[in-house]
Amino acid sequence: MRASTVQATQNSNVTLKGVTEKIEEHFELLIANGLISVNTEKTYGVNLYLQVNEDTSISRLDVQDEILKKIYPNNSLLVEPGSPGSGDSSLGGLLVGEYQHAYVRIVLQRAGTAARGIGNENELAKQINWHTRGQTRDTVGITVKFRSKDRKEYTVHNVIGAEGVGTVKKNKDLDQSSEEQFPKSDVNIIRSKGETVPVSIKQDNASLWASVESWYYENGGHVNDKSAKWYIENAAATEDKNKINGVAHNLIELKVVSNAYILTNPTSNNKPLNKVRLVWKASEKMIDAALFGSDIYGKGLIVRKTFNKDDFKLEGQTLVVHTNQNIVEKKDASGDVYMICYYTQGRSLSYKHNDIQKNITIAVRACTKSFAFGKYGTNTIFVKRNNNTLQFQNKPV
């Protein structure tokens, strides 16, 4: 049978029921553990809506790669957001089959606090717009004051409204020839002369600042540091000062299990593979990139707060917005930004060993101190770079 005939046969057999069953079979364990679910209210016709709990070690991008590369490697494609057939996800749509003939569109939605984060952003914009109703560019507007628990304030004058940034964010990675960074704004406050003040919002329990493996795994030069790959390889070549039964070992070992690249250490409590997480302090330029991006520093602020209506109080012509923390300068967060590498299912990085392509299923993320050293701290290897060498560090108190 010719390849074109095989493809046509595959397309003619594409049905919503068949695709749903195949997805459920492949992700059986993740579905059983509540990490992925089918949104039955929106799944009908040619549309399969999957909800991904991004509070865990998987993301929608993980699931997207798994579908494209493992479940339907020869019969699927990714349609960019805004293109015909993309659906209503900020990631675009996954088409199985042939668009406008026999196909199923898979749309990946956020679940968990990641989804609630969108409501958090909407609440800030909604409250500002409610209190500025009737204001226009011909009026002086009101004052919005962000007041943190420690009574630090950030004030914006002449406010006439606000808009959620949402899916219009311009997601351009750092690359070898560009110093561009991710924009981080979630809500833009609009002033009477038309300029905007960007606000990035982190919920009370948010523990991740950014996922950065797409550009930081191979290249750390943009942030005045070595790459994540350098840290991993050097940790695997650096002897741990703590011996086990008198036997020396390195800070980490690189183990390949089922074609996956895993960081291990014999002292880990994460049995049976002894998986560990490698951690180091973020550089100053990484704080710029991961927290402030291209649009916040010197122009707006980051706030930590899960909002409800009681957090907004009108005092005369000033709307006071109560937050847990206002992050305006790097010093406001410099003690709470760490880099972390750990194994996670479905990451699409790859490397070659003896000319054989292998998966590097490693997440590289900028995270908070509590995430790096919290309840999983017994499985953490904390290191510090001294020029071209690494040394083991005791965990910060």
Foldseek 3Di string as FASTA:
>chain_A
DDPVVVLVVQLVPADLVVVVVLLCVVCVVCVVVVQKDWPVVPDDDQETEMEGAPVDQDDPVLVVLCCCVPSCVPFKDFDAPPDPPQPDALRTWIWGHDPPPRIHTYHYHYDDVVVVVLVQLVVVQVVQQVLLPPDALVDFAFKEWEAAPVRDIDIDGQFRGKDACPSVWDQDPDDPVDLAFGAQFGMWTAHSVGDTFGEHEAEQPFWFLDFRCVHQQCDDVSQPDRGVVLVQVQQQVAWDPDADVPHIHGNWHFDQDPLETFTADPQAPPPDRRGFKEKEAGGPSVCCRRHRGPHHAPRHWYFYHRDDPVQWDDDPRYIYGYTNDIGHDCVSCRQFWMKMKGADRRDADWDADPNDIGGHRITITITTLCVQCNPNNSRYFYWDDDPSHIDTDDRDD
